[in-house]
């Protein structure tokens, strides 16, 4: 199964609130992620705001497209956008930098 890694940058002055929001992700958002093929999804945050996301999915483009069709995702992305740097008008799910996997230990 493909593994996906991506980066975003959370504003340092919003780190505590960002973490708090993720302790209470909306149940309908969690359901939408599962229904569109997001598995083993984790977010990791450094003290300077660097955010690393990891997930497994059969088809990342299809998973993104599935979420793009969900009203709950549009609401979540709009709610989360002010937390991030360098989006240049894009939603967080559109502004992340996808990383190339260069090693995996099975």
PDB file of N, CA and C in Angstrom:
ATOM      1  N   UNK A   1       0.844  -1.180   0.000  1.00  0.00           N
ATOM      2  CA  UNK A   1       0.000   0.000   0.000  1.00  0.00           C
ATOM      3  C   UNK A   1       0.888   1.241   0.000  1.00  0.00           C
ATOM      4  N   UNK A   2       0.592   2.192  -0.863  1.00  0.00           N
ATOM      5  CA  UNK A   2       1.390   3.417  -0.894  1.00  0.00           C
ATOM      6  C   UNK A   2       1.339   4.179   0.437  1.00  0.00           C
ATOM      7  N   UNK A   3       2.496   4.727   0.815  1.00  0.00           N
ATOM      8  CA  UNK A   3       2.625   5.565   2.004  1.00  0.00           C
ATOM      9  C   UNK A   3       2.861   6.990   1.526  1.00  0.00           C
ATOM     10  N   UNK A   4       2.170   7.935   2.121  1.00  0.00           N
ATOM     11  CA  UNK A   4       2.240   9.329   1.711  1.00  0.00           C
ATOM     12  C   UNK A   4       2.755  10.172   2.874  1.00  0.00           C
ATOM     13  N   UNK A   5       3.730  11.020   2.601  1.00  0.00           N
ATOM     14  CA  UNK A   5       4.210  11.988   3.575  1.00  0.00           C
ATOM     15  C   UNK A   5       4.068  13.386   3.004  1.00  0.00           C
ATOM     16  N   UNK A   6       3.710  14.344   3.851  1.00  0.00           N
ATOM     17  CA  UNK A   6       3.574  15.721   3.384  1.00  0.00           C
ATOM     18  C   UNK A   6       3.936  16.698   4.499  1.00  0.00           C
ATOM     19  N   UNK A   7       4.242  17.926   4.096  1.00  0.00           N
ATOM     20  CA  UNK A   7       4.626  18.985   5.024  1.00  0.00           C
ATOM     21  C   UNK A   7       3.718  20.197   4.881  1.00  0.00           C
ATOM     22  N   UNK A   8       3.496  20.845   6.004  1.00  0.00           N
ATOM     23  CA  UNK A   8       2.863  22.155   6.076  1.00  0.00           C
ATOM     24  C   UNK A   8       3.562  22.919   7.198  1.00  0.00           C
ATOM     25  N   UNK A   9       3.287  24.200   7.322  1.00  0.00           N
ATOM     26  CA  UNK A   9       3.881  24.998   8.401  1.00  0.00           C
ATOM     27  C   UNK A   9       2.775  25.703   9.166  1.00  0.00           C
ATOM     28  N   UNK A  10       2.653  25.356  10.454  1.00  0.00           N
ATOM     29  CA  UNK A  10       1.674  25.976  11.346  1.00  0.00           C
ATOM     30  C   UNK A  10       2.295  27.240  11.941  1.00  0.00           C
ATOM     31  N   UNK A  11       1.516  28.287  12.041  1.00  0.00           N
ATOM     32  CA  UNK A  11       1.991  29.538  12.640  1.00  0.00           C
ATOM     33  C   UNK A  11       2.357  29.281  14.110  1.00  0.00           C
ATOM     34  N   UNK A  12       3.532  29.754  14.511  1.00  0.00           N
ATOM     35  CA  UNK A  12       4.011  29.501  15.876  1.00  0.00           C
ATOM     36  C   UNK A  12       3.051  30.037  16.932  1.00  0.00           C
ATOM     37  N   UNK A  13       2.385  31.145  16.649  1.00  0.00           N
ATOM     38  CA  UNK A  13       1.477  31.716  17.642  1.00  0.00           C
ATOM     39  C   UNK A  13       0.143  30.969  17.716  1.00  0.00           C
ATOM     40  N   UNK A  14      -0.044  29.955  16.871  1.00  0.00           N
ATOM     41  CA  UNK A  14      -1.303  29.190  16.858  1.00  0.00           C
ATOM     42  C   UNK A  14      -1.095  27.711  17.204  1.00  0.00           C
ATOM     43  N   UNK A  15       0.122  27.329  17.621  1.00  0.00           N
ATOM     44  CA  UNK A  15       0.423  25.916  17.858  1.00  0.00           C
ATOM     45  C   UNK A  15      -0.490  25.280  18.900  1.00  0.00           C
ATOM     46  N   UNK A  16      -0.664  25.933  20.031  1.00  0.00           N
ATOM     47  CA  UNK A  16      -1.483  25.344  21.100  1.00  0.00           C
ATOM     48  C   UNK A  16      -2.919  25.142  20.633  1.00  0.00           C
ATOM     49  N   UNK A  17      -3.476  26.122  19.972  1.00  0.00           N
ATOM     50  CA  UNK A  17      -4.853  26.001  19.486  1.00  0.00           C
ATOM     51  C   UNK A  17      -4.964  24.935  18.402  1.00  0.00           C
ATOM     52  N   UNK A  18      -3.951  24.848  17.530  1.00  0.00           N
ATOM     53  CA  UNK A  18      -3.958  23.818  16.492  1.00  0.00           C
ATOM     54  C   UNK A  18      -4.002  22.420  17.123  1.00  0.00           C
ATOM     55  N   UNK A  19      -3.169  22.210  18.129  1.00  0.00           N
ATOM     56  CA  UNK A  19      -3.163  20.907  18.804  1.00  0.00           C
ATOM     57  C   UNK A  19      -4.502  20.645  19.489  1.00  0.00           C
ATOM     58  N   UNK A  20      -5.065  21.659  20.107  1.00  0.00           N
ATOM     59  CA  UNK A  20      -6.367  21.504  20.769  1.00  0.00           C
ATOM     60  C   UNK A  20      -7.450  21.124  19.765  1.00  0.00           C
ATOM     61  N   UNK A  21      -7.467  21.758  18.606  1.00  0.00           N
ATOM     62  CA  UNK A  21      -8.466  21.435  17.579  1.00  0.00           C
ATOM     63  C   UNK A  21      -8.360  19.976  17.138  1.00  0.00           C
ATOM     64  N   UNK A  22      -7.145  19.448  17.119  1.00  0.00           N
ATOM     65  CA  UNK A  22      -6.964  18.064  16.677  1.00  0.00           C
ATOM     66  C   UNK A  22      -7.231  17.039  17.766  1.00  0.00           C
ATOM     67  N   UNK A  23      -7.432  17.501  18.986  1.00  0.00           N
ATOM     68  CA  UNK A  23      -7.886  16.596  20.040  1.00  0.00           C
ATOM     69  C   UNK A  23      -9.395  16.382  19.952  1.00  0.00           C
ATOM     70  N   UNK A  24     -10.048  17.195  19.118  1.00  0.00           N
ATOM     71  CA  UNK A  24     -11.506  17.118  18.995  1.00  0.00           C
ATOM     72  C   UNK A  24     -11.927  17.262  17.527  1.00  0.00           C
ATOM     73  N   UNK A  25     -11.318  16.471  16.651  1.00  0.00           N
ATOM     74  CA  UNK A  25     -11.705  16.510  15.235  1.00  0.00           C
ATOM     75  C   UNK A  25     -13.170  16.099  15.127  1.00  0.00           C
ATOM     76  N   UNK A  26     -13.911  16.813  14.296  1.00  0.00           N
ATOM     77  CA  UNK A  26     -15.336  16.550  14.126  1.00  0.00           C
ATOM     78  C   UNK A  26     -15.565  15.095  13.706  1.00  0.00           C
ATOM     79  N   UNK A  27     -16.506  14.409  14.344  1.00  0.00           N
ATOM     80  CA  UNK A  27     -16.783  13.017  13.972  1.00  0.00           C
ATOM     81  C   UNK A  27     -17.104  12.834  12.494  1.00  0.00           C
ATOM     82  N   UNK A  28     -17.806  13.778  11.889  1.00  0.00           N
ATOM     83  CA  UNK A  28     -18.138  13.637  10.471  1.00  0.00           C
ATOM     84  C   UNK A  28     -16.897  13.800   9.591  1.00  0.00           C
ATOM     85  N   UNK A  29     -15.899  14.561  10.063  1.00  0.00           N
ATOM     86  CA  UNK A  29     -14.641  14.676   9.325  1.00  0.00           C
ATOM     87  C   UNK A  29     -13.877  13.358   9.408  1.00  0.00           C
ATOM     88  N   UNK A  30     -13.826  12.765  10.582  1.00  0.00           N
ATOM     89  CA  UNK A  30     -13.166  11.464  10.746  1.00  0.00           C
ATOM     90  C   UNK A  30     -13.823  10.412   9.852  1.00  0.00           C
ATOM     91  N   UNK A  31     -15.147  10.413   9.815  1.00  0.00           N
ATOM     92  CA  UNK A  31     -15.872   9.451   8.977  1.00  0.00           C
ATOM     93  C   UNK A  31     -15.553   9.677   7.499  1.00  0.00           C
ATOM     94  N   UNK A  32     -15.507  10.937   7.071  1.00  0.00           N
ATOM     95  CA  UNK A  32     -15.217  11.243   5.662  1.00  0.00           C
ATOM     96  C   UNK A  32     -13.815  10.767   5.282  1.00  0.00           C
ATOM     97  N   UNK A  33     -12.842  10.975   6.146  1.00  0.00           N
ATOM     98  CA  UNK A  33     -11.492  10.501   5.870  1.00  0.00           C
ATOM     99  C   UNK A  33     -11.472   8.985   5.682  1.00  0.00           C
ATOM    100  N   UNK A  34     -12.107   8.280   6.584  1.00  0.00           N
ATOM    101  CA  UNK A  34     -12.152   6.813   6.473  1.00  0.00           C
ATOM    102  C   UNK A  34     -12.869   6.369   5.200  1.00  0.00           C
ATOM    103  N   UNK A  35     -13.991   7.009   4.901  1.00  0.00           N
ATOM    104  CA  UNK A  35     -14.796   6.619   3.738  1.00  0.00           C
ATOM    105  C   UNK A  35     -14.090   6.887   2.410  1.00  0.00           C
ATOM    106  N   UNK A  36     -13.151   7.821   2.399  1.00  0.00           N
ATOM    107  CA  UNK A  36     -12.454   8.149   1.158  1.00  0.00           C
ATOM    108  C   UNK A  36     -11.071   7.502   1.067  1.00  0.00           C
ATOM    109  N   UNK A  37     -10.783   6.581   1.981  1.00  0.00           N
ATOM    110  CA  UNK A  37      -9.582   5.768   1.845  1.00  0.00           C
ATOM    111  C   UNK A  37      -8.349   6.214   2.604  1.00  0.00           C
ATOM    112  N   UNK A  38      -8.484   7.143   3.543  1.00  0.00           N
ATOM    113  CA  UNK A  38      -7.350   7.569   4.365  1.00  0.00           C
ATOM    114  C   UNK A  38      -7.194   6.571   5.508  1.00  0.00           C
ATOM    115  N   UNK A  39      -6.032   5.927   5.580  1.00  0.00           N
ATOM    116  CA  UNK A  39      -5.776   4.958   6.646  1.00  0.00           C
ATOM    117  C   UNK A  39      -4.454   5.274   7.332  1.00  0.00           C
ATOM    118  N   UNK A  40      -4.386   4.880   8.592  1.00  0.00           N
ATOM    119  CA  UNK A  40      -3.154   5.056   9.369  1.00  0.00           C
ATOM    120  C   UNK A  40      -2.647   6.495   9.239  1.00  0.00           C
ATOM    121  N   UNK A  41      -3.560   7.451   9.355  1.00  0.00           N
ATOM    122  CA  UNK A  41      -3.263   8.871   9.156  1.00  0.00           C
ATOM    123  C   UNK A  41      -2.773   9.474  10.466  1.00  0.00           C
ATOM    124  N   UNK A  42      -1.621  10.114  10.423  1.00  0.00           N
ATOM    125  CA  UNK A  42      -1.031  10.749  11.601  1.00  0.00           C
ATOM    126  C   UNK A  42      -0.475  12.109  11.226  1.00  0.00           C
ATOM    127  N   UNK A  43      -0.482  13.016  12.205  1.00  0.00           N
ATOM    128  CA  UNK A  43       0.154  14.318  12.066  1.00  0.00           C
ATOM    129  C   UNK A  43       1.182  14.462  13.175  1.00  0.00           C
ATOM    130  N   UNK A  44       2.349  15.001  12.834  1.00  0.00           N
ATOM    131  CA  UNK A  44       3.434  15.217  13.782  1.00  0.00           C
ATOM    132  C   UNK A  44       3.831  16.687  13.702  1.00  0.00           C
ATOM    133  N   UNK A  45       3.982  17.346  14.857  1.00  0.00           N
ATOM    134  CA  UNK A  45       4.227  18.779  14.901  1.00  0.00           C
ATOM    135  C   UNK A  45       5.500  19.090  15.684  1.00  0.00           C
ATOM    136  N   UNK A  46       6.395  19.862  15.089  1.00  0.00           N
ATOM    137  CA  UNK A  46       7.610  20.275  15.788  1.00  0.00           C
ATOM    138  C   UNK A  46       7.364  21.606  16.503  1.00  0.00           C
ATOM    139  N   UNK A  47       8.197  21.944  17.475  1.00  0.00           N
ATOM    140  CA  UNK A  47       8.012  23.197  18.220  1.00  0.00           C
ATOM    141  C   UNK A  47       8.056  24.459  17.357  1.00  0.00           C
ATOM    142  N   UNK A  48       8.700  24.398  16.199  1.00  0.00           N
ATOM    143  CA  UNK A  48       8.755  25.574  15.325  1.00  0.00           C
ATOM    144  C   UNK A  48       7.576  25.651  14.359  1.00  0.00           C
ATOM    145  N   UNK A  49       6.651  24.678  14.438  1.00  0.00           N
ATOM    146  CA  UNK A  49       5.463  24.704  13.599  1.00  0.00           C
ATOM    147  C   UNK A  49       5.517  23.815  12.372  1.00  0.00           C
ATOM    148  N   UNK A  50       6.651  23.167  12.131  1.00  0.00           N
ATOM    149  CA  UNK A  50       6.716  22.255  10.989  1.00  0.00           C
ATOM    150  C   UNK A  50       5.794  21.071  11.255  1.00  0.00           C
ATOM    151  N   UNK A  51       4.888  20.817  10.329  1.00  0.00           N
ATOM    152  CA  UNK A  51       3.908  19.743  10.460  1.00  0.00           C
ATOM    153  C   UNK A  51       4.191  18.683   9.411  1.00  0.00           C
ATOM    154  N   UNK A  52       4.370  17.461   9.863  1.00  0.00           N
ATOM    155  CA  UNK A  52       4.567  16.322   8.978  1.00  0.00           C
ATOM    156  C   UNK A  52       3.331  15.448   9.062  1.00  0.00           C
ATOM    157  N   UNK A  53       2.738  15.152   7.915  1.00  0.00           N
ATOM    158  CA  UNK A  53       1.593  14.262   7.855  1.00  0.00           C
ATOM    159  C   UNK A  53       1.969  12.960   7.186  1.00  0.00           C
ATOM    160  N   UNK A  54       1.373  11.876   7.653  1.00  0.00           N
ATOM    161  CA  UNK A  54       1.622  10.551   7.095  1.00  0.00           C
ATOM    162  C   UNK A  54       0.281   9.836   6.973  1.00  0.00           C
ATOM    163  N   UNK A  55       0.092   9.155   5.847  1.00  0.00           N
ATOM    164  CA  UNK A  55      -1.084   8.323   5.682  1.00  0.00           C
ATOM    165  C   UNK A  55      -0.785   7.206   4.702  1.00  0.00           C
ATOM    166  N   UNK A  56      -1.639   6.224   4.730  1.00  0.00           N
ATOM    167  CA  UNK A  56      -1.587   5.134   3.767  1.00  0.00           C
ATOM    168  C   UNK A  56      -2.916   5.111   3.037  1.00  0.00           C
ATOM    169  N   UNK A  57      -2.852   4.912   1.735  1.00  0.00           N
ATOM    170  CA  UNK A  57      -4.062   4.874   0.919  1.00  0.00           C
ATOM    171  C   UNK A  57      -3.754   4.154  -0.384  1.00  0.00           C
ATOM    172  N   UNK A  58      -4.744   3.526  -0.954  1.00  0.00           N
ATOM    173  CA  UNK A  58      -4.550   2.825  -2.221  1.00  0.00           C
ATOM    174  C   UNK A  58      -4.269   3.781  -3.367  1.00  0.00           C
ATOM    175  N   UNK A  59      -4.888   4.965  -3.340  1.00  0.00           N
ATOM    176  CA  UNK A  59      -4.759   5.934  -4.431  1.00  0.00           C
ATOM    177  C   UNK A  59      -4.903   7.332  -3.831  1.00  0.00           C
ATOM    178  N   UNK A  60      -3.785   8.027  -3.646  1.00  0.00           N
ATOM    179  CA  UNK A  60      -3.806   9.325  -2.981  1.00  0.00           C
ATOM    180  C   UNK A  60      -4.630  10.351  -3.751  1.00  0.00           C
ATOM    181  N   UNK A  61      -4.494  10.395  -5.054  1.00  0.00           N
ATOM    182  CA  UNK A  61      -5.270  11.352  -5.845  1.00  0.00           C
ATOM    183  C   UNK A  61      -6.769  11.094  -5.693  1.00  0.00           C
ATOM    184  N   UNK A  62      -7.155   9.838  -5.680  1.00  0.00           N
ATOM    185  CA  UNK A  62      -8.570   9.491  -5.489  1.00  0.00           C
ATOM    186  C   UNK A  62      -9.034   9.868  -4.084  1.00  0.00           C
ATOM    187  N   UNK A  63      -8.180   9.652  -3.079  1.00  0.00           N
ATOM    188  CA  UNK A  63      -8.519  10.014  -1.707  1.00  0.00           C
ATOM    189  C   UNK A  63      -8.696  11.526  -1.575  1.00  0.00           C
ATOM    190  N   UNK A  64      -7.802  12.302  -2.201  1.00  0.00           N
ATOM    191  CA  UNK A  64      -7.936  13.760  -2.193  1.00  0.00           C
ATOM    192  C   UNK A  64      -9.209  14.204  -2.905  1.00  0.00           C
ATOM    193  N   UNK A  65      -9.464  13.608  -4.058  1.00  0.00           N
ATOM    194  CA  UNK A  65     -10.657  13.963  -4.831  1.00  0.00           C
ATOM    195  C   UNK A  65     -11.932  13.632  -4.055  1.00  0.00           C
ATOM    196  N   UNK A  66     -11.923  12.510  -3.371  1.00  0.00           N
ATOM    197  CA  UNK A  66     -13.077  12.124  -2.560  1.00  0.00           C
ATOM    198  C   UNK A  66     -13.342  13.130  -1.457  1.00  0.00           C
ATOM    199  N   UNK A  67     -12.276  13.580  -0.806  1.00  0.00           N
ATOM    200  CA  UNK A  67     -12.459  14.575   0.249  1.00  0.00           C
ATOM    201  C   UNK A  67     -12.885  15.918  -0.325  1.00  0.00           C
ATOM    202  N   UNK A  68     -12.403  16.261  -1.507  1.00  0.00           N
ATOM    203  CA  UNK A  68     -12.766  17.537  -2.127  1.00  0.00           C
ATOM    204  C   UNK A  68     -14.263  17.633  -2.400  1.00  0.00           C
ATOM    205  N   UNK A  69     -14.922  16.494  -2.506  1.00  0.00           N
ATOM    206  CA  UNK A  69     -16.365  16.467  -2.765  1.00  0.00           C
ATOM    207  C   UNK A  69     -17.202  16.525  -1.491  1.00  0.00           C
ATOM    208  N   UNK A  70     -16.568  16.489  -0.342  1.00  0.00           N
ATOM    209  CA  UNK A  70     -17.285  16.466   0.935  1.00  0.00           C
ATOM    210  C   UNK A  70     -17.441  17.872   1.507  1.00  0.00           C
ATOM    211  N   UNK A  71     -18.658  18.223   1.847  1.00  0.00           N
ATOM    212  CA  UNK A  71     -18.941  19.515   2.462  1.00  0.00           C
ATOM    213  C   UNK A  71     -18.178  19.672   3.777  1.00  0.00           C
ATOM    214  N   UNK A  72     -18.098  18.614   4.552  1.00  0.00           N
ATOM    215  CA  UNK A  72     -17.392  18.703   5.833  1.00  0.00           C
ATOM    216  C   UNK A  72     -15.928  19.047   5.617  1.00  0.00           C
ATOM    217  N   UNK A  73     -15.316  18.566   4.559  1.00  0.00           N
ATOM    218  CA  UNK A  73     -13.923  18.890   4.275  1.00  0.00           C
ATOM    219  C   UNK A  73     -13.777  20.370   3.924  1.00  0.00           C
ATOM    220  N   UNK A  74     -14.680  20.902   3.132  1.00  0.00           N
ATOM    221  CA  UNK A  74     -14.623  22.324   2.791  1.00  0.00           C
ATOM    222  C   UNK A  74     -14.711  23.176   4.057  1.00  0.00           C
ATOM    223  N   UNK A  75     -15.599  22.798   4.968  1.00  0.00           N
ATOM    224  CA  UNK A  75     -15.734  23.533   6.225  1.00  0.00           C
ATOM    225  C   UNK A  75     -14.482  23.398   7.088  1.00  0.00           C
ATOM    226  N   UNK A  76     -13.930  22.177   7.174  1.00  0.00           N
ATOM    227  CA  UNK A  76     -12.729  21.943   7.981  1.00  0.00           C
ATOM    228  C   UNK A  76     -11.537  22.723   7.411  1.00  0.00           C
ATOM    229  N   UNK A  77     -11.347  22.664   6.098  1.00  0.00           N
ATOM    230  CA  UNK A  77     -10.221  23.365   5.474  1.00  0.00           C
ATOM    231  C   UNK A  77     -10.332  24.869   5.695  1.00  0.00           C
ATOM    232  N   UNK A  78     -11.528  25.423   5.574  1.00  0.00           N
ATOM    233  CA  UNK A  78     -11.728  26.853   5.810  1.00  0.00           C
ATOM    234  C   UNK A  78     -11.439  27.202   7.268  1.00  0.00           C
ATOM    235  N   UNK A  79     -11.822  26.334   8.180  1.00  0.00           N
ATOM    236  CA  UNK A  79     -11.594  26.551   9.606  1.00  0.00           C
ATOM    237  C   UNK A  79     -10.110  26.458   9.958  1.00  0.00           C
ATOM    238  N   UNK A  80      -9.379  25.591   9.280  1.00  0.00           N
ATOM    239  CA  UNK A  80      -7.963  25.358   9.582  1.00  0.00           C
ATOM    240  C   UNK A  80      -7.014  26.297   8.837  1.00  0.00           C
ATOM    241  N   UNK A  81      -7.425  26.864   7.726  1.00  0.00           N
ATOM    242  CA  UNK A  81      -6.531  27.681   6.899  1.00  0.00           C
ATOM    243  C   UNK A  81      -5.802  28.785   7.677  1.00  0.00           C
ATOM    244  N   UNK A  82      -6.449  29.492   8.597  1.00  0.00           N
ATOM    245  CA  UNK A  82      -5.728  30.557   9.308  1.00  0.00           C
ATOM    246  C   UNK A  82      -4.566  30.075  10.179  1.00  0.00           C
ATOM    247  N   UNK A  83      -4.476  28.797  10.430  1.00  0.00           N
ATOM    248  CA  UNK A  83      -3.395  28.255  11.252  1.00  0.00           C
ATOM    249  C   UNK A  83      -2.076  28.115  10.484  1.00  0.00           C
ATOM    250  N   UNK A  84      -2.124  28.180   9.147  1.00  0.00           N
ATOM    251  CA  UNK A  84      -0.956  27.831   8.342  1.00  0.00           C
ATOM    252  C   UNK A  84      -0.281  29.032   7.684  1.00  0.00           C
ATOM    253  N   UNK A  85       1.029  28.872   7.484  1.00  0.00           N
ATOM    254  CA  UNK A  85       1.825  29.840   6.725  1.00  0.00           C
ATOM    255  C   UNK A  85       1.935  29.366   5.276  1.00  0.00           C
ATOM    256  N   UNK A  86       2.191  30.294   4.386  1.00  0.00           N
ATOM    257  CA  UNK A  86       2.581  30.009   2.996  1.00  0.00           C
ATOM    258  C   UNK A  86       1.543  29.248   2.172  1.00  0.00           C
ATOM    259  N   UNK A  87       0.272  29.534   2.364  1.00  0.00           N
ATOM    260  CA  UNK A  87      -0.749  28.860   1.553  1.00  0.00           C
ATOM    261  C   UNK A  87      -1.077  29.635   0.281  1.00  0.00           C
ATOM    262  N   UNK A  88      -0.767  30.925   0.250  1.00  0.00           N
ATOM    263  CA  UNK A  88      -1.021  31.762  -0.927  1.00  0.00           C
ATOM    264  C   UNK A  88      -2.430  31.570  -1.482  1.00  0.00           C
ATOM    265  N   UNK A  89      -3.419  31.614  -0.609  1.00  0.00           N
ATOM    266  CA  UNK A  89      -4.804  31.522  -1.034  1.00  0.00           C
ATOM    267  C   UNK A  89      -5.336  30.116  -1.245  1.00  0.00           C
ATOM    268  N   UNK A  90      -4.484  29.112  -1.082  1.00  0.00           N
ATOM    269  CA  UNK A  90      -4.937  27.723  -1.234  1.00  0.00           C
ATOM    270  C   UNK A  90      -5.430  27.184   0.101  1.00  0.00           C
ATOM    271  N   UNK A  91      -6.245  26.146   0.036  1.00  0.00           N
ATOM    272  CA  UNK A  91      -6.665  25.447   1.241  1.00  0.00           C
ATOM    273  C   UNK A  91      -5.492  24.610   1.745  1.00  0.00           C
ATOM    274  N   UNK A  92      -5.469  24.276   3.041  1.00  0.00           N
ATOM    275  CA  UNK A  92      -4.371  23.452   3.553  1.00  0.00           C
ATOM    276  C   UNK A  92      -4.193  22.132   2.793  1.00  0.00           C
ATOM    277  N   UNK A  93      -5.284  21.488   2.407  1.00  0.00           N
ATOM    278  CA  UNK A  93      -5.155  20.212   1.699  1.00  0.00           C
ATOM    279  C   UNK A  93      -4.629  20.392   0.272  1.00  0.00           C
ATOM    280  N   UNK A  94      -4.635  21.626  -0.216  1.00  0.00           N
ATOM    281  CA  UNK A  94      -4.086  21.916  -1.542  1.00  0.00           C
ATOM    282  C   UNK A  94      -2.669  22.501  -1.458  1.00  0.00           C
ATOM    283  N   UNK A  95      -2.293  23.001  -0.281  1.00  0.00           N
ATOM    284  CA  UNK A  95      -1.033  23.699  -0.133  1.00  0.00           C
ATOM    285  C   UNK A  95       0.087  22.904   0.512  1.00  0.00           C
ATOM    286  N   UNK A  96      -0.168  21.641   0.802  1.00  0.00           N
ATOM    287  CA  UNK A  96       0.883  20.836   1.421  1.00  0.00           C
ATOM    288  C   UNK A  96       1.926  20.430   0.380  1.00  0.00           C
ATOM    289  N   UNK A  97       3.123  20.172   0.856  1.00  0.00           N
ATOM    290  CA  UNK A  97       4.213  19.717   0.002  1.00  0.00           C
ATOM    291  C   UNK A  97       4.337  18.212   0.176  1.00  0.00           C
ATOM    292  N   UNK A  98       4.077  17.478  -0.886  1.00  0.00           N
ATOM    293  CA  UNK A  98       4.200  16.027  -0.822  1.00  0.00           C
ATOM    294  C   UNK A  98       5.673  15.637  -0.884  1.00  0.00           C
ATOM    295  N   UNK A  99       6.043  14.671  -0.068  1.00  0.00           N
ATOM    296  CA  UNK A  99       7.426  14.228   0.017  1.00  0.00           C
ATOM    297  C   UNK A  99       7.629  12.922  -0.731  1.00  0.00           C
ATOM    298  N   UNK A 100       8.817  12.767  -1.267  1.00  0.00           N
ATOM    299  CA  UNK A 100       9.182  11.527  -1.937  1.00  0.00           C
ATOM    300  C   UNK A 100       9.693  10.532  -0.897  1.00  0.00           C
ATOM    301  N   UNK A 101       9.162   9.331  -0.908  1.00  0.00           N
ATOM    302  CA  UNK A 101       9.675   8.287  -0.018  1.00  0.00           C
ATOM    303  C   UNK A 101      10.990   7.767  -0.589  1.00  0.00           C
ATOM    304  N   UNK A 102      12.046   7.824   0.221  1.00  0.00           N
ATOM    305  CA  UNK A 102      13.344   7.381  -0.249  1.00  0.00           C
ATOM    306  C   UNK A 102      13.850   6.133   0.494  1.00  0.00           C
ATOM    307  N   UNK A 103      13.162   5.741   1.581  1.00  0.00           N
ATOM    308  CA  UNK A 103      13.544   4.540   2.305  1.00  0.00           C
ATOM    309  C   UNK A 103      12.370   4.054   3.126  1.00  0.00           C
ATOM    310  N   UNK A 104      12.236   2.745   3.221  1.00  0.00           N
ATOM    311  CA  UNK A 104      11.231   2.125   4.066  1.00  0.00           C
ATOM    312  C   UNK A 104      11.782   0.795   4.568  1.00  0.00           C
ATOM    313  N   UNK A 105      11.773   0.597   5.877  1.00  0.00           N
ATOM    314  CA  UNK A 105      12.206  -0.663   6.488  1.00  0.00           C
ATOM    315  C   UNK A 105      10.971  -1.504   6.725  1.00  0.00           C
ATOM    316  N   UNK A 106      10.915  -2.661   6.069  1.00  0.00           N
ATOM    317  CA  UNK A 106       9.777  -3.556   6.276  1.00  0.00           C
ATOM    318  C   UNK A 106      10.067  -4.490   7.407  1.00  0.00           C
TER     319      UNK A 106
END
